PDB file of N, CA and C in Angstrom:
ATOM      1  N   MET A   1     117.004  92.096  49.011  1.00  0.00           N
ATOM      2  CA  MET A   1     116.061  93.201  49.019  1.00  0.00           C
ATOM      3  C   MET A   1     116.306  94.041  50.269  1.00  0.00           C
ATOM      4  N   LYS A   2     116.525  95.331  50.081  1.00  0.00           N
ATOM      5  CA  LYS A   2     116.726  96.236  51.203  1.00  0.00           C
ATOM      6  C   LYS A   2     115.381  96.726  51.716  1.00  0.00           C
ATOM      7  N   ARG A   3     115.252  96.709  53.013  1.00  0.00           N
ATOM      8  CA  ARG A   3     114.013  97.224  53.625  1.00  0.00           C
ATOM      9  C   ARG A   3     114.300  98.542  54.316  1.00  0.00           C
ATOM     10  N   ARG A   4     113.305  99.383  54.286  1.00  0.00           N
ATOM     11  CA  ARG A   4     113.413 100.642  55.013  1.00  0.00           C
ATOM     12  C   ARG A   4     113.351 100.371  56.507  1.00  0.00           C
ATOM     13  N   PRO A   5     114.083 101.126  57.324  1.00  0.00           N
ATOM     14  CA  PRO A   5     113.971 100.944  58.775  1.00  0.00           C
ATOM     15  C   PRO A   5     112.554 101.261  59.239  1.00  0.00           C
ATOM     16  N   ARG A   6     112.090 100.492  60.162  1.00  0.00           N
ATOM     17  CA  ARG A   6     110.743 100.696  60.695  1.00  0.00           C
ATOM     18  C   ARG A   6     110.726 101.901  61.626  1.00  0.00           C
ATOM     19  N   THR A   7     109.771 102.773  61.445  1.00  0.00           N
ATOM     20  CA  THR A   7     109.663 103.982  62.256  1.00  0.00           C
ATOM     21  C   THR A   7     108.438 103.872  63.160  1.00  0.00           C
ATOM     22  N   LEU A   8     108.649 104.118  64.422  1.00  0.00           N
ATOM     23  CA  LEU A   8     107.539 104.096  65.372  1.00  0.00           C
ATOM     24  C   LEU A   8     106.736 105.381  65.258  1.00  0.00           C
ATOM     25  N   PRO A   9     105.453 105.332  65.583  1.00  0.00           N
ATOM     26  CA  PRO A   9     104.649 106.555  65.520  1.00  0.00           C
ATOM     27  C   PRO A   9     105.170 107.581  66.517  1.00  0.00           C
ATOM     28  N   GLU A  10     105.092 108.837  66.130  1.00  0.00           N
ATOM     29  CA  GLU A  10     105.579 109.894  66.999  1.00  0.00           C
ATOM     30  C   GLU A  10     104.618 110.088  68.164  1.00  0.00           C
ATOM     31  N   LYS A  11     105.168 110.187  69.350  1.00  0.00           N
ATOM     32  CA  LYS A  11     104.348 110.386  70.547  1.00  0.00           C
ATOM     33  C   LYS A  11     104.818 111.635  71.249  1.00  0.00           C
ATOM     34  N   GLU A  12     103.895 112.302  71.893  1.00  0.00           N
ATOM     35  CA  GLU A  12     104.249 113.474  72.670  1.00  0.00           C
ATOM     36  C   GLU A  12     105.018 113.031  73.910  1.00  0.00           C
ATOM     37  N   ARG A  13     106.139 113.662  74.150  1.00  0.00           N
ATOM     38  CA  ARG A  13     106.950 113.312  75.309  1.00  0.00           C
ATOM     39  C   ARG A  13     106.339 113.920  76.558  1.00  0.00           C
ATOM     40  N   THR A  14     106.492 113.206  77.652  1.00  0.00           N
ATOM     41  CA  THR A  14     106.025 113.734  78.928  1.00  0.00           C
ATOM     42  C   THR A  14     107.227 113.992  79.815  1.00  0.00           C
ATOM     43  N   ASP A  15     107.081 114.930  80.682  1.00  0.00           N
ATOM     44  CA  ASP A  15     108.150 115.254  81.618  1.00  0.00           C
ATOM     45  C   ASP A  15     108.352 114.077  82.555  1.00  0.00           C
ATOM     46  N   SER A  16     109.589 113.688  82.760  1.00  0.00           N
ATOM     47  CA  SER A  16     109.864 112.524  83.600  1.00  0.00           C
ATOM     48  C   SER A  16     109.425 112.748  85.040  1.00  0.00           C
ATOM     49  N   SER A  17     109.263 114.006  85.458  1.00  0.00           N
ATOM     50  CA  SER A  17     108.803 114.253  86.824  1.00  0.00           C
ATOM     51  C   SER A  17     107.343 113.829  86.997  1.00  0.00           C
ATOM     52  N   GLU A  18     106.600 113.712  85.873  1.00  0.00           N
ATOM     53  CA  GLU A  18     105.217 113.249  85.950  1.00  0.00           C
ATOM     54  C   GLU A  18     105.155 111.750  86.200  1.00  0.00           C
ATOM     55  N   ASN A  19     106.161 111.018  85.749  1.00  0.00           N
ATOM     56  CA  ASN A  19     106.210 109.573  85.916  1.00  0.00           C
ATOM     57  C   ASN A  19     107.027 109.254  87.157  1.00  0.00           C
ATOM     58  N   ARG A  20     106.352 109.123  88.268  1.00  0.00           N
ATOM     59  CA  ARG A  20     107.091 108.860  89.486  1.00  0.00           C
ATOM     60  C   ARG A  20     106.425 107.751  90.277  1.00  0.00           C
ATOM     61  N   ILE A  21     107.261 107.059  91.003  1.00  0.00           N
ATOM     62  CA  ILE A  21     106.771 105.998  91.868  1.00  0.00           C
ATOM     63  C   ILE A  21     107.035 106.424  93.305  1.00  0.00           C
ATOM     64  N   SER A  22     106.069 106.172  94.167  1.00  0.00           N
ATOM     65  CA  SER A  22     106.264 106.490  95.577  1.00  0.00           C
ATOM     66  C   SER A  22     105.871 105.281  96.414  1.00  0.00           C
ATOM     67  N   ILE A  23     106.697 104.990  97.396  1.00  0.00           N
ATOM     68  CA  ILE A  23     106.434 103.898  98.321  1.00  0.00           C
ATOM     69  C   ILE A  23     105.459 104.421  99.368  1.00  0.00           C
ATOM     70  N   THR A  24     104.307 103.774  99.465  1.00  0.00           N
ATOM     71  CA  THR A  24     103.295 104.243 100.418  1.00  0.00           C
ATOM     72  C   THR A  24     103.311 103.462 101.716  1.00  0.00           C
ATOM     73  N   GLY A  25     103.940 102.289 101.722  1.00  0.00           N
ATOM     74  CA  GLY A  25     104.016 101.514 102.949  1.00  0.00           C
ATOM     75  C   GLY A  25     104.843 100.256 102.777  1.00  0.00           C
ATOM     76  N   VAL A  26     105.371  99.775 103.905  1.00  0.00           N
ATOM     77  CA  VAL A  26     106.157  98.540 103.905  1.00  0.00           C
ATOM     78  C   VAL A  26     105.719  97.716 105.109  1.00  0.00           C
ATOM     79  N   ASP A  27     105.356  96.459 104.867  1.00  0.00           N
ATOM     80  CA  ASP A  27     105.007  95.523 105.934  1.00  0.00           C
ATOM     81  C   ASP A  27     106.119  94.482 105.987  1.00  0.00           C
ATOM     82  N   LYS A  28     107.123  94.744 106.851  1.00  0.00           N
ATOM     83  CA  LYS A  28     108.297  93.861 106.912  1.00  0.00           C
ATOM     84  C   LYS A  28     107.929  92.446 107.337  1.00  0.00           C
ATOM     85  N   ALA A  29     106.990  92.300 108.235  1.00  0.00           N
ATOM     86  CA  ALA A  29     106.604  90.969 108.708  1.00  0.00           C
ATOM     87  C   ALA A  29     106.013  90.123 107.581  1.00  0.00           C
ATOM     88  N   ALA A  30     105.268  90.741 106.681  1.00  0.00           N
ATOM     89  CA  ALA A  30     104.636  90.026 105.565  1.00  0.00           C
ATOM     90  C   ALA A  30     105.457  90.126 104.282  1.00  0.00           C
ATOM     91  N   HIS A  31     106.628  90.816 104.346  1.00  0.00           N
ATOM     92  CA  HIS A  31     107.493  90.997 103.181  1.00  0.00           C
ATOM     93  C   HIS A  31     106.717  91.639 102.023  1.00  0.00           C
ATOM     94  N   THR A  32     105.973  92.678 102.328  1.00  0.00           N
ATOM     95  CA  THR A  32     105.110  93.321 101.336  1.00  0.00           C
ATOM     96  C   THR A  32     105.440  94.806 101.226  1.00  0.00           C
ATOM     97  N   ILE A  33     105.496  95.287  99.988  1.00  0.00           N
ATOM     98  CA  ILE A  33     105.743  96.700  99.714  1.00  0.00           C
ATOM     99  C   ILE A  33     104.523  97.262  99.000  1.00  0.00           C
ATOM    100  N   TYR A  34     104.046  98.401  99.454  1.00  0.00           N
ATOM    101  CA  TYR A  34     102.915  99.092  98.831  1.00  0.00           C
ATOM    102  C   TYR A  34     103.461 100.358  98.174  1.00  0.00           C
ATOM    103  N   ALA A  35     103.114 100.557  96.901  1.00  0.00           N
ATOM    104  CA  ALA A  35     103.610 101.713  96.163  1.00  0.00           C
ATOM    105  C   ALA A  35     102.513 102.261  95.269  1.00  0.00           C
ATOM    106  N   GLN A  36     102.793 103.433  94.701  1.00  0.00           N
ATOM    107  CA  GLN A  36     101.860 104.045  93.767  1.00  0.00           C
ATOM    108  C   GLN A  36     102.672 104.616  92.613  1.00  0.00           C
ATOM    109  N   PHE A  37     102.239 104.321  91.368  1.00  0.00           N
ATOM    110  CA  PHE A  37     102.905 104.807  90.162  1.00  0.00           C
ATOM    111  C   PHE A  37     101.887 105.507  89.300  1.00  0.00           C
ATOM    112  N   ASN A  38     102.018 106.808  89.163  1.00  0.00           N
ATOM    113  CA  ASN A  38     101.083 107.622  88.370  1.00  0.00           C
ATOM    114  C   ASN A  38      99.624 107.324  88.710  1.00  0.00           C
ATOM    115  N   GLY A  39      99.335 107.179  89.975  1.00  0.00           N
ATOM    116  CA  GLY A  39      97.960 106.939  90.405  1.00  0.00           C
ATOM    117  C   GLY A  39      97.560 105.478  90.478  1.00  0.00           C
ATOM    118  N   TYR A  40      98.383 104.578  89.957  1.00  0.00           N
ATOM    119  CA  TYR A  40      98.091 103.144  90.016  1.00  0.00           C
ATOM    120  C   TYR A  40      98.713 102.549  91.269  1.00  0.00           C
ATOM    121  N   LYS A  41      97.915 101.821  92.035  1.00  0.00           N
ATOM    122  CA  LYS A  41      98.413 101.193  93.247  1.00  0.00           C
ATOM    123  C   LYS A  41      99.098  99.878  92.910  1.00  0.00           C
ATOM    124  N   ILE A  42     100.258  99.648  93.530  1.00  0.00           N
ATOM    125  CA  ILE A  42     101.055  98.450  93.292  1.00  0.00           C
ATOM    126  C   ILE A  42     101.313  97.780  94.633  1.00  0.00           C
ATOM    127  N   THR A  43     101.133  96.469  94.690  1.00  0.00           N
ATOM    128  CA  THR A  43     101.475  95.688  95.872  1.00  0.00           C
ATOM    129  C   THR A  43     102.477  94.628  95.444  1.00  0.00           C
ATOM    130  N   ALA A  44     103.639  94.617  96.104  1.00  0.00           N
ATOM    131  CA  ALA A  44     104.675  93.631  95.787  1.00  0.00           C
ATOM    132  C   ALA A  44     104.937  92.779  97.016  1.00  0.00           C
ATOM    133  N   VAL A  45     104.733  91.484  96.876  1.00  0.00           N
ATOM    134  CA  VAL A  45     105.023  90.547  97.958  1.00  0.00           C
ATOM    135  C   VAL A  45     106.370  89.909  97.626  1.00  0.00           C
ATOM    136  N   CYS A  46     107.316  90.049  98.539  1.00  0.00           N
ATOM    137  CA  CYS A  46     108.691  89.626  98.285  1.00  0.00           C
ATOM    138  C   CYS A  46     109.051  88.383  99.081  1.00  0.00           C
ATOM    139  N   ARG A  47     110.100  87.719  98.631  1.00  0.00           N
ATOM    140  CA  ARG A  47     110.636  86.570  99.351  1.00  0.00           C
ATOM    141  C   ARG A  47     111.416  87.056 100.568  1.00  0.00           C
ATOM    142  N   GLU A  48     111.695  86.133 101.474  1.00  0.00           N
ATOM    143  CA  GLU A  48     112.494  86.490 102.636  1.00  0.00           C
ATOM    144  C   GLU A  48     113.932  86.804 102.249  1.00  0.00           C
ATOM    145  N   ARG A  49     114.432  86.131 101.211  1.00  0.00           N
ATOM    146  CA  ARG A  49     115.805  86.353 100.761  1.00  0.00           C
ATOM    147  C   ARG A  49     115.811  87.178  99.487  1.00  0.00           C
ATOM    148  N   SER A  50     116.905  87.896  99.278  1.00  0.00           N
ATOM    149  CA  SER A  50     117.056  88.714  98.079  1.00  0.00           C
ATOM    150  C   SER A  50     117.227  87.825  96.844  1.00  0.00           C
ATOM    151  N   ASP A  51     116.599  88.220  95.736  1.00  0.00           N
ATOM    152  CA  ASP A  51     116.720  87.504  94.471  1.00  0.00           C
ATOM    153  C   ASP A  51     116.967  88.542  93.375  1.00  0.00           C
ATOM    154  N   PRO A  52     118.249  88.853  93.098  1.00  0.00           N
ATOM    155  CA  PRO A  52     118.575  89.917  92.141  1.00  0.00           C
ATOM    156  C   PRO A  52     117.958  89.734  90.754  1.00  0.00           C
ATOM    157  N   GLU A  53     117.736  88.511  90.308  1.00  0.00           N
ATOM    158  CA  GLU A  53     117.177  88.286  88.968  1.00  0.00           C
ATOM    159  C   GLU A  53     115.752  88.816  88.845  1.00  0.00           C
ATOM    160  N   ILE A  54     115.038  88.833  89.937  1.00  0.00           N
ATOM    161  CA  ILE A  54     113.632  89.247  89.882  1.00  0.00           C
ATOM    162  C   ILE A  54     113.480  90.760  89.678  1.00  0.00           C
ATOM    163  N   TYR A  55     114.494  91.544  90.087  1.00  0.00           N
ATOM    164  CA  TYR A  55     114.389  92.997  89.947  1.00  0.00           C
ATOM    165  C   TYR A  55     114.167  93.410  88.501  1.00  0.00           C
ATOM    166  N   ASP A  56     114.945  92.840  87.583  1.00  0.00           N
ATOM    167  CA  ASP A  56     114.792  93.184  86.164  1.00  0.00           C
ATOM    168  C   ASP A  56     113.445  92.728  85.626  1.00  0.00           C
ATOM    169  N   ARG A  57     112.963  91.580  86.064  1.00  0.00           N
ATOM    170  CA  ARG A  57     111.651  91.087  85.598  1.00  0.00           C
ATOM    171  C   ARG A  57     110.537  92.022  86.048  1.00  0.00           C
ATOM    172  N   ILE A  58     110.597  92.462  87.308  1.00  0.00           N
ATOM    173  CA  ILE A  58     109.565  93.369  87.825  1.00  0.00           C
ATOM    174  C   ILE A  58     109.622  94.700  87.086  1.00  0.00           C
ATOM    175  N   LYS A  59     110.828  95.215  86.864  1.00  0.00           N
ATOM    176  CA  LYS A  59     110.983  96.474  86.143  1.00  0.00           C
ATOM    177  C   LYS A  59     110.383  96.354  84.747  1.00  0.00           C
ATOM    178  N   ASP A  60     110.669  95.263  84.048  1.00  0.00           N
ATOM    179  CA  ASP A  60     110.126  95.062  82.706  1.00  0.00           C
ATOM    180  C   ASP A  60     108.598  94.999  82.715  1.00  0.00           C
ATOM    181  N   ILE A  61     108.034  94.319  83.692  1.00  0.00           N
ATOM    182  CA  ILE A  61     106.576  94.210  83.802  1.00  0.00           C
ATOM    183  C   ILE A  61     105.953  95.584  84.036  1.00  0.00           C
ATOM    184  N   LEU A  62     106.529  96.351  84.961  1.00  0.00           N
ATOM    185  CA  LEU A  62     105.983  97.682  85.259  1.00  0.00           C
ATOM    186  C   LEU A  62     106.096  98.610  84.061  1.00  0.00           C
ATOM    187  N   LEU A  63     107.250  98.600  83.394  1.00  0.00           N
ATOM    188  CA  LEU A  63     107.422  99.473  82.240  1.00  0.00           C
ATOM    189  C   LEU A  63     106.493  99.096  81.096  1.00  0.00           C
ATOM    190  N   SER A  64     106.339  97.817  80.821  1.00  0.00           N
ATOM    191  CA  SER A  64     105.447  97.426  79.731  1.00  0.00           C
ATOM    192  C   SER A  64     103.988  97.751  80.063  1.00  0.00           C
ATOM    193  N   SER A  65     103.616  97.651  81.326  1.00  0.00           N
ATOM    194  CA  SER A  65     102.241  98.001  81.730  1.00  0.00           C
ATOM    195  C   SER A  65     101.985  99.491  81.508  1.00  0.00           C
ATOM    196  N   VAL A  66     102.946 100.308  81.876  1.00  0.00           N
ATOM    197  CA  VAL A  66     102.806 101.759  81.694  1.00  0.00           C
ATOM    198  C   VAL A  66     102.743 102.104  80.221  1.00  0.00           C
ATOM    199  N   LEU A  67     103.607 101.500  79.417  1.00  0.00           N
ATOM    200  CA  LEU A  67     103.608 101.791  77.985  1.00  0.00           C
ATOM    201  C   LEU A  67     102.313 101.369  77.314  1.00  0.00           C
ATOM    202  N   GLU A  68     101.711 100.260  77.764  1.00  0.00           N
ATOM    203  CA  GLU A  68     100.426  99.835  77.198  1.00  0.00           C
ATOM    204  C   GLU A  68      99.336 100.833  77.539  1.00  0.00           C
ATOM    205  N   LYS A  69      99.379 101.400  78.753  1.00  0.00           N
ATOM    206  CA  LYS A  69      98.357 102.375  79.158  1.00  0.00           C
ATOM    207  C   LYS A  69      98.509 103.673  78.373  1.00  0.00           C
ATOM    208  N   LEU A  70      99.752 104.028  78.018  1.00  0.00           N
ATOM    209  CA  LEU A  70      99.997 105.266  77.291  1.00  0.00           C
ATOM    210  C   LEU A  70      99.691 105.143  75.811  1.00  0.00           C
ATOM    211  N   ALA A  71      99.691 103.921  75.291  1.00  0.00           N
ATOM    212  CA  ALA A  71      99.489 103.712  73.853  1.00  0.00           C
ATOM    213  C   ALA A  71      98.060 103.961  73.438  1.00  0.00           C
TER     214      ALA A  71
END
Protein backbone atom coordinates (compact mmCIF):
# COMPACT_ATOMS: atom_id res chain seq x y z
CA MET A 1 0.00 0.00 0.00
CA LYS A 2 1.44 3.36 -1.03
CA ARG A 3 1.07 6.20 1.41
CA ARG A 4 1.00 9.85 0.59
CA PRO A 5 3.96 11.83 1.96
CA ARG A 6 3.10 13.58 5.18
CA THR A 7 2.85 17.35 4.83
CA LEU A 8 3.53 19.66 7.73
CA PRO A 9 1.18 22.59 8.32
CA GLU A 10 2.26 25.76 6.58
CA LYS A 11 3.79 28.32 8.91
CA GLU A 12 4.65 31.93 8.31
CA ARG A 13 8.39 32.32 7.97
CA THR A 14 10.19 34.78 10.17
CA ASP A 15 13.27 36.73 9.29
CA SER A 16 16.33 35.02 10.71
CA SER A 17 17.53 38.37 12.06
CA GLU A 18 14.62 38.19 14.53
CA ASN A 19 15.94 34.91 15.93
CA ARG A 20 19.17 35.88 17.56
CA ILE A 21 21.13 34.87 20.58
CA SER A 22 23.27 37.31 22.51
CA ILE A 23 25.77 36.56 25.25
CA THR A 24 24.99 38.84 28.17
CA GLY A 25 27.75 37.71 30.51
CA VAL A 26 30.43 35.15 31.27
CA ASP A 27 31.59 34.09 34.74
CA LYS A 28 34.86 32.25 34.02
CA ALA A 29 35.46 31.34 37.66
CA ALA A 30 32.07 29.57 37.88
CA HIS A 31 32.21 28.29 34.26
CA THR A 32 28.86 29.94 33.58
CA ILE A 33 27.56 31.66 30.45
CA TYR A 34 24.55 33.99 30.51
CA ALA A 35 22.70 34.54 27.23
CA GLN A 36 19.39 35.74 25.85
CA PHE A 37 17.47 34.21 22.92
CA ASN A 38 14.45 36.12 21.62
CA GLY A 39 13.82 37.54 25.08
CA TYR A 40 14.32 34.24 26.93
CA LYS A 41 17.15 34.21 29.45
CA ILE A 42 19.51 31.22 29.28
CA THR A 43 22.10 30.17 31.87
CA ALA A 44 24.63 27.51 30.88
CA VAL A 45 26.94 26.01 33.49
CA CYS A 46 29.88 24.33 31.77
CA ARG A 47 32.52 21.82 32.75
CA GLU A 48 36.12 22.87 33.25
CA ARG A 49 37.13 20.81 30.21
CA SER A 50 35.70 20.98 26.70
CA ASP A 51 33.17 18.27 25.78
CA PRO A 52 32.40 18.48 22.03
CA GLU A 53 29.51 15.97 22.25
CA ILE A 54 27.52 18.28 24.50
CA TYR A 55 27.41 21.11 21.93
CA ASP A 56 25.02 19.22 19.64
CA ARG A 57 22.82 18.18 22.59
CA ILE A 58 22.52 21.78 23.80
CA LYS A 59 21.77 23.01 20.28
CA ASP A 60 19.03 20.38 19.89
CA ILE A 61 17.49 21.32 23.25
CA LEU A 62 17.47 25.04 22.42
CA LEU A 63 16.04 24.52 18.95
CA SER A 64 13.29 22.19 20.12
CA SER A 65 12.35 24.63 22.91
CA VAL A 66 12.04 27.48 20.41
CA LEU A 67 10.01 25.38 17.99
CA GLU A 68 7.60 24.36 20.77
CA LYS A 69 7.08 28.03 21.69
CA LEU A 70 6.39 28.92 18.05
CA ALA A 71 3.92 26.07 17.51
